Amino acid sequence: MTTARPAPLTVSGALLVGLVANGLAGCQVAPKTSWTEPLQAMNQPVDLNRFMGEWRVIAHIPTFIEKQAYNAVERYELSPDGTIATTYTFNKGDFDGPLKTYRPKGFVHNHETNAEWRMQFVWPFKAAYLILYLDEHYETTVVGVPDRDYVWIMARSKTIPENRYDELLGLLAETGHDLSKLRRVPQR
């Protein structure tokens, strides 16, 4: 007797499942009282025009599509309709690996601070995207998701000083991220 096996998930199907699960986690509304509560975006206002442009991914708790990312770059461009055109590129596997490009669309969710967005990789699903930290010069930022499964340390430059990196690791530890899952992204 043979049993039918379900069809394997395609990359787009697996991405959709992950984004739906992440989007549902972002729908929870509760104040942060412990690490079991959803993570919240920072309370300081973000100047969207200053935030736009190119950000290098210095380290991350990666999604499945970026586990082998090299030279990862996230670029934001504010569109006339207020959405954020996003382009995420990286080389897969090594510095000379195939170039991967993703183009999710960003939507500002909290217009009081501009620190909470929704990212749409596949219509109609939107995943929460939280700016957790942004320095006053708009040179380094930390972006995460409510359930802490993914996080990105990004900078305008390919590297940051080691003491600055350690400070950002401290922030991630304080906010309940599993630092053992953090991966430094090779940049060249």
C-alpha atoms as a PDB file:
ATOM      1  CA  MET A   1       0.000   0.000   0.000  1.00  0.00           C
ATOM      2  CA  THR A   2       1.372   3.365  -0.943  1.00  0.00           C
ATOM      3  CA  THR A   3       0.426   6.560   0.733  1.00  0.00           C
ATOM      4  CA  ALA A   4       0.368   9.831  -1.070  1.00  0.00           C
ATOM      5  CA  ARG A   5       3.015  12.267   0.078  1.00  0.00           C
ATOM      6  CA  PRO A   6       2.237  15.938   0.163  1.00  0.00           C
ATOM      7  CA  ALA A   7       4.004  17.960  -2.485  1.00  0.00           C
ATOM      8  CA  PRO A   8       7.197  19.561  -1.162  1.00  0.00           C
ATOM      9  CA  LEU A   9       6.979  23.255  -0.433  1.00  0.00           C
ATOM     10  CA  THR A  10       8.501  25.409  -3.118  1.00  0.00           C
ATOM     11  CA  VAL A  11      10.704  28.321  -2.096  1.00  0.00           C
ATOM     12  CA  SER A  12       7.839  30.734  -2.700  1.00  0.00           C
ATOM     13  CA  GLY A  13       5.428  28.461  -0.808  1.00  0.00           C
ATOM     14  CA  ALA A  14       7.781  28.155   2.151  1.00  0.00           C
ATOM     15  CA  LEU A  15       8.377  31.906   2.116  1.00  0.00           C
ATOM     16  CA  LEU A  16       4.634  32.485   2.090  1.00  0.00           C
ATOM     17  CA  VAL A  17       4.125  30.131   5.053  1.00  0.00           C
ATOM     18  CA  GLY A  18       6.863  31.896   7.012  1.00  0.00           C
ATOM     19  CA  LEU A  19       5.562  35.340   6.201  1.00  0.00           C
ATOM     20  CA  VAL A  20       1.994  34.417   7.113  1.00  0.00           C
ATOM     21  CA  ALA A  21       3.161  33.023  10.452  1.00  0.00           C
ATOM     22  CA  ASN A  22       5.275  36.124  11.072  1.00  0.00           C
ATOM     23  CA  GLY A  23       2.433  38.408   9.996  1.00  0.00           C
ATOM     24  CA  LEU A  24       0.062  36.702  12.395  1.00  0.00           C
ATOM     25  CA  ALA A  25       2.566  37.138  15.217  1.00  0.00           C
ATOM     26  CA  GLY A  26       2.680  40.837  14.358  1.00  0.00           C
ATOM     27  CA  CYS A  27      -1.085  41.096  14.849  1.00  0.00           C
ATOM     28  CA  GLN A  28      -0.811  40.440  18.572  1.00  0.00           C
ATOM     29  CA  VAL A  29      -1.348  43.579  20.605  1.00  0.00           C
ATOM     30  CA  ALA A  30       0.077  43.576  24.093  1.00  0.00           C
ATOM     31  CA  PRO A  31       2.468  45.726  26.079  1.00  0.00           C
ATOM     32  CA  LYS A  32       5.976  44.320  26.414  1.00  0.00           C
ATOM     33  CA  THR A  33       6.100  42.867  29.914  1.00  0.00           C
ATOM     34  CA  SER A  34       8.357  39.869  29.292  1.00  0.00           C
ATOM     35  CA  TRP A  35      10.199  38.132  26.509  1.00  0.00           C
ATOM     36  CA  THR A  36       7.102  36.073  25.840  1.00  0.00           C
ATOM     37  CA  GLU A  37       5.297  39.245  24.769  1.00  0.00           C
ATOM     38  CA  PRO A  38       5.745  40.568  21.222  1.00  0.00           C
ATOM     39  CA  LEU A  39       8.674  42.877  20.674  1.00  0.00           C
ATOM     40  CA  GLN A  40       7.788  46.536  20.127  1.00  0.00           C
ATOM     41  CA  ALA A  41       9.359  49.133  17.826  1.00  0.00           C
ATOM     42  CA  MET A  42      11.299  51.994  19.374  1.00  0.00           C
ATOM     43  CA  ASN A  43       9.298  55.010  20.538  1.00  0.00           C
ATOM     44  CA  GLN A  44      11.471  57.718  18.961  1.00  0.00           C
ATOM     45  CA  PRO A  45      10.311  59.162  15.653  1.00  0.00           C
ATOM     46  CA  VAL A  46      12.076  58.067  12.475  1.00  0.00           C
ATOM     47  CA  ASP A  47      12.641  60.628   9.721  1.00  0.00           C
ATOM     48  CA  LEU A  48      11.738  58.473   6.732  1.00  0.00           C
ATOM     49  CA  ASN A  49      13.673  60.622   4.258  1.00  0.00           C
ATOM     50  CA  ARG A  50      16.870  60.215   6.294  1.00  0.00           C
ATOM     51  CA  PHE A  51      16.249  56.474   6.730  1.00  0.00           C
ATOM     52  CA  MET A  52      15.968  55.880   2.987  1.00  0.00           C
ATOM     53  CA  GLY A  53      18.966  54.693   1.018  1.00  0.00           C
ATOM     54  CA  GLU A  54      21.407  51.829   1.287  1.00  0.00           C
ATOM     55  CA  TRP A  55      21.990  49.774   4.428  1.00  0.00           C
ATOM     56  CA  ARG A  56      24.591  46.981   4.666  1.00  0.00           C
ATOM     57  CA  VAL A  57      23.563  43.959   6.727  1.00  0.00           C
ATOM     58  CA  ILE A  58      26.327  43.538   9.297  1.00  0.00           C
ATOM     59  CA  ALA A  59      24.726  40.620  11.157  1.00  0.00           C
ATOM     60  CA  HIS A  60      21.362  38.901  11.341  1.00  0.00           C
ATOM     61  CA  ILE A  61      19.276  36.100  12.671  1.00  0.00           C
ATOM     62  CA  PRO A  62      18.489  35.091   9.111  1.00  0.00           C
ATOM     63  CA  THR A  63      15.372  33.962   7.359  1.00  0.00           C
ATOM     64  CA  PHE A  64      15.786  30.729   5.415  1.00  0.00           C
ATOM     65  CA  ILE A  65      16.445  32.585   2.162  1.00  0.00           C
ATOM     66  CA  GLU A  66      19.430  34.505   3.534  1.00  0.00           C
ATOM     67  CA  LYS A  67      21.275  31.895   5.611  1.00  0.00           C
ATOM     68  CA  GLN A  68      24.158  31.923   3.115  1.00  0.00           C
ATOM     69  CA  ALA A  69      24.104  35.654   2.337  1.00  0.00           C
ATOM     70  CA  TYR A  70      27.277  37.540   1.478  1.00  0.00           C
ATOM     71  CA  ASN A  71      27.380  41.268   0.676  1.00  0.00           C
ATOM     72  CA  ALA A  72      23.776  41.689   1.844  1.00  0.00           C
ATOM     73  CA  VAL A  73      22.359  45.143   1.116  1.00  0.00           C
ATOM     74  CA  GLU A  74      18.888  46.520   1.846  1.00  0.00           C
ATOM     75  CA  ARG A  75      17.880  49.648  -0.077  1.00  0.00           C
ATOM     76  CA  TYR A  76      14.814  51.762   0.681  1.00  0.00           C
ATOM     77  CA  GLU A  77      13.184  54.359  -1.530  1.00  0.00           C
ATOM     78  CA  LEU A  78      10.166  56.387  -0.426  1.00  0.00           C
ATOM     79  CA  SER A  79       7.528  56.312  -3.158  1.00  0.00           C
ATOM     80  CA  PRO A  80       5.178  59.255  -3.875  1.00  0.00           C
ATOM     81  CA  ASP A  81       2.245  57.216  -2.482  1.00  0.00           C
ATOM     82  CA  GLY A  82       4.025  56.821   0.880  1.00  0.00           C
ATOM     83  CA  THR A  83       5.001  53.167   0.403  1.00  0.00           C
ATOM     84  CA  ILE A  84       8.621  52.095   0.587  1.00  0.00           C
ATOM     85  CA  ALA A  85      10.150  50.412  -2.448  1.00  0.00           C
ATOM     86  CA  THR A  86      12.622  47.921  -1.016  1.00  0.00           C
ATOM     87  CA  THR A  87      15.373  46.014  -2.756  1.00  0.00           C
ATOM     88  CA  TYR A  88      17.284  43.340  -0.850  1.00  0.00           C
ATOM     89  CA  THR A  89      20.293  41.852  -2.631  1.00  0.00           C
ATOM     90  CA  PHE A  90      23.035  39.426  -1.673  1.00  0.00           C
ATOM     91  CA  ASN A  91      25.392  36.863  -3.130  1.00  0.00           C
ATOM     92  CA  LYS A  92      24.393  33.332  -2.162  1.00  0.00           C
ATOM     93  CA  GLY A  93      27.071  31.035  -0.745  1.00  0.00           C
ATOM     94  CA  ASP A  94      30.148  33.225  -1.170  1.00  0.00           C
ATOM     95  CA  PHE A  95      31.320  36.578  -2.482  1.00  0.00           C
ATOM     96  CA  ASP A  96      31.113  35.372  -6.082  1.00  0.00           C
ATOM     97  CA  GLY A  97      27.909  33.375  -5.628  1.00  0.00           C
ATOM     98  CA  PRO A  98      24.754  34.039  -7.606  1.00  0.00           C
ATOM     99  CA  LEU A  99      23.156  37.410  -6.945  1.00  0.00           C
ATOM    100  CA  LYS A 100      19.748  37.108  -5.286  1.00  0.00           C
ATOM    101  CA  THR A 101      17.318  40.017  -5.383  1.00  0.00           C
ATOM    102  CA  TYR A 102      14.049  40.435  -3.501  1.00  0.00           C
ATOM    103  CA  ARG A 103      11.696  43.398  -3.803  1.00  0.00           C
ATOM    104  CA  PRO A 104       9.207  43.564  -0.963  1.00  0.00           C
ATOM    105  CA  LYS A 105       7.044  46.635  -0.575  1.00  0.00           C
ATOM    106  CA  GLY A 106       7.075  48.475   2.741  1.00  0.00           C
ATOM    107  CA  PHE A 107       4.109  50.179   4.379  1.00  0.00           C
ATOM    108  CA  VAL A 108       4.429  52.483   7.382  1.00  0.00           C
ATOM    109  CA  HIS A 109       2.132  50.996  10.006  1.00  0.00           C
ATOM    110  CA  ASN A 110       2.689  53.457  12.865  1.00  0.00           C
ATOM    111  CA  HIS A 111       2.616  56.981  11.433  1.00  0.00           C
ATOM    112  CA  GLU A 112       3.320  58.593  14.825  1.00  0.00           C
ATOM    113  CA  THR A 113       6.877  57.237  14.940  1.00  0.00           C
ATOM    114  CA  ASN A 114       7.403  55.668  11.478  1.00  0.00           C
ATOM    115  CA  ALA A 115       9.278  52.920  13.364  1.00  0.00           C
ATOM    116  CA  GLU A 116       6.807  50.125  12.657  1.00  0.00           C
ATOM    117  CA  TRP A 117       6.303  48.945   9.101  1.00  0.00           C
ATOM    118  CA  ARG A 118       4.709  46.051   7.303  1.00  0.00           C
ATOM    119  CA  MET A 119       6.618  44.327   4.510  1.00  0.00           C
ATOM    120  CA  GLN A 120       4.777  42.600   1.708  1.00  0.00           C
ATOM    121  CA  PHE A 121       6.692  39.905  -0.151  1.00  0.00           C
ATOM    122  CA  VAL A 122       3.584  38.153  -1.458  1.00  0.00           C
ATOM    123  CA  TRP A 123       0.176  39.784  -1.818  1.00  0.00           C
ATOM    124  CA  PRO A 124      -1.946  40.031   0.329  1.00  0.00           C
ATOM    125  CA  PHE A 125       0.270  39.072   3.274  1.00  0.00           C
ATOM    126  CA  LYS A 126       2.252  41.657   5.219  1.00  0.00           C
ATOM    127  CA  ALA A 127       4.864  40.873   7.868  1.00  0.00           C
ATOM    128  CA  ALA A 128       5.696  43.166  10.781  1.00  0.00           C
ATOM    129  CA  TYR A 129       9.014  45.014  10.530  1.00  0.00           C
ATOM    130  CA  LEU A 130      10.135  46.904  13.631  1.00  0.00           C
ATOM    131  CA  ILE A 131      12.883  49.485  13.859  1.00  0.00           C
ATOM    132  CA  LEU A 132      14.272  48.641  17.294  1.00  0.00           C
ATOM    133  CA  TYR A 133      17.206  51.030  17.297  1.00  0.00           C
ATOM    134  CA  LEU A 134      18.473  53.889  15.151  1.00  0.00           C
ATOM    135  CA  ASP A 135      21.422  56.088  16.053  1.00  0.00           C
ATOM    136  CA  GLU A 136      21.025  59.852  15.886  1.00  0.00           C
ATOM    137  CA  HIS A 137      23.202  60.115  12.764  1.00  0.00           C
ATOM    138  CA  TYR A 138      21.238  57.433  10.861  1.00  0.00           C
ATOM    139  CA  GLU A 139      24.406  55.355  10.457  1.00  0.00           C
ATOM    140  CA  THR A 140      23.397  52.161  12.303  1.00  0.00           C
ATOM    141  CA  THR A 141      20.038  50.530  12.873  1.00  0.00           C
ATOM    142  CA  VAL A 142      18.588  47.326  14.256  1.00  0.00           C
ATOM    143  CA  VAL A 143      15.412  45.916  12.739  1.00  0.00           C
ATOM    144  CA  GLY A 144      13.453  42.956  14.067  1.00  0.00           C
ATOM    145  CA  VAL A 145      10.129  41.179  14.169  1.00  0.00           C
ATOM    146  CA  PRO A 146       7.652  40.795  17.053  1.00  0.00           C
ATOM    147  CA  ASP A 147       8.498  37.144  17.876  1.00  0.00           C
ATOM    148  CA  ARG A 148      12.287  37.789  17.834  1.00  0.00           C
ATOM    149  CA  ASP A 149      12.873  35.016  15.269  1.00  0.00           C
ATOM    150  CA  TYR A 150      14.683  37.369  12.886  1.00  0.00           C
ATOM    151  CA  VAL A 151      16.780  40.482  13.364  1.00  0.00           C
ATOM    152  CA  TRP A 152      19.111  42.591  11.242  1.00  0.00           C
ATOM    153  CA  ILE A 153      21.958  44.828  12.388  1.00  0.00           C
ATOM    154  CA  MET A 154      22.570  47.245   9.533  1.00  0.00           C
ATOM    155  CA  ALA A 155      24.916  50.135   8.827  1.00  0.00           C
ATOM    156  CA  ARG A 156      25.588  52.596   6.058  1.00  0.00           C
ATOM    157  CA  SER A 157      29.111  51.177   5.798  1.00  0.00           C
ATOM    158  CA  LYS A 158      30.404  47.634   5.223  1.00  0.00           C
ATOM    159  CA  THR A 159      31.791  47.394   8.746  1.00  0.00           C
ATOM    160  CA  ILE A 160      31.270  48.962  12.131  1.00  0.00           C
ATOM    161  CA  PRO A 161      33.741  49.259  15.012  1.00  0.00           C
ATOM    162  CA  GLU A 162      33.843  46.162  17.211  1.00  0.00           C
ATOM    163  CA  ASN A 163      32.836  48.102  20.340  1.00  0.00           C
ATOM    164  CA  ARG A 164      29.767  49.421  18.486  1.00  0.00           C
ATOM    165  CA  TYR A 165      28.896  45.884  17.390  1.00  0.00           C
ATOM    166  CA  ASP A 166      29.188  44.718  21.001  1.00  0.00           C
ATOM    167  CA  GLU A 167      26.825  47.505  22.131  1.00  0.00           C
ATOM    168  CA  LEU A 168      24.240  46.351  19.594  1.00  0.00           C
ATOM    169  CA  LEU A 169      24.654  42.750  20.754  1.00  0.00           C
ATOM    170  CA  GLY A 170      23.895  44.017  24.264  1.00  0.00           C
ATOM    171  CA  LEU A 171      20.695  45.613  22.975  1.00  0.00           C
ATOM    172  CA  LEU A 172      19.682  42.335  21.335  1.00  0.00           C
ATOM    173  CA  ALA A 173      20.374  40.400  24.529  1.00  0.00           C
ATOM    174  CA  GLU A 174      18.298  42.907  26.523  1.00  0.00           C
ATOM    175  CA  THR A 175      15.380  42.516  24.119  1.00  0.00           C
ATOM    176  CA  GLY A 176      15.403  38.719  24.362  1.00  0.00           C
ATOM    177  CA  HIS A 177      17.037  37.699  21.081  1.00  0.00           C
ATOM    178  CA  ASP A 178      18.879  34.380  20.915  1.00  0.00           C
ATOM    179  CA  LEU A 179      22.428  35.532  20.146  1.00  0.00           C
ATOM    180  CA  SER A 180      23.503  31.955  19.373  1.00  0.00           C
ATOM    181  CA  LYS A 181      21.472  32.254  16.142  1.00  0.00           C
ATOM    182  CA  LEU A 182      23.145  35.521  15.125  1.00  0.00           C
ATOM    183  CA  ARG A 183      25.300  35.340  11.993  1.00  0.00           C
ATOM    184  CA  ARG A 184      27.804  37.969  10.893  1.00  0.00           C
ATOM    185  CA  VAL A 185      27.306  38.694   7.230  1.00  0.00           C
ATOM    186  CA  PRO A 186      30.540  38.754   5.237  1.00  0.00           C
ATOM    187  CA  GLN A 187      30.870  42.082   3.418  1.00  0.00           C
ATOM    188  CA  ARG A 188      33.428  42.936   0.741  1.00  0.00           C
END
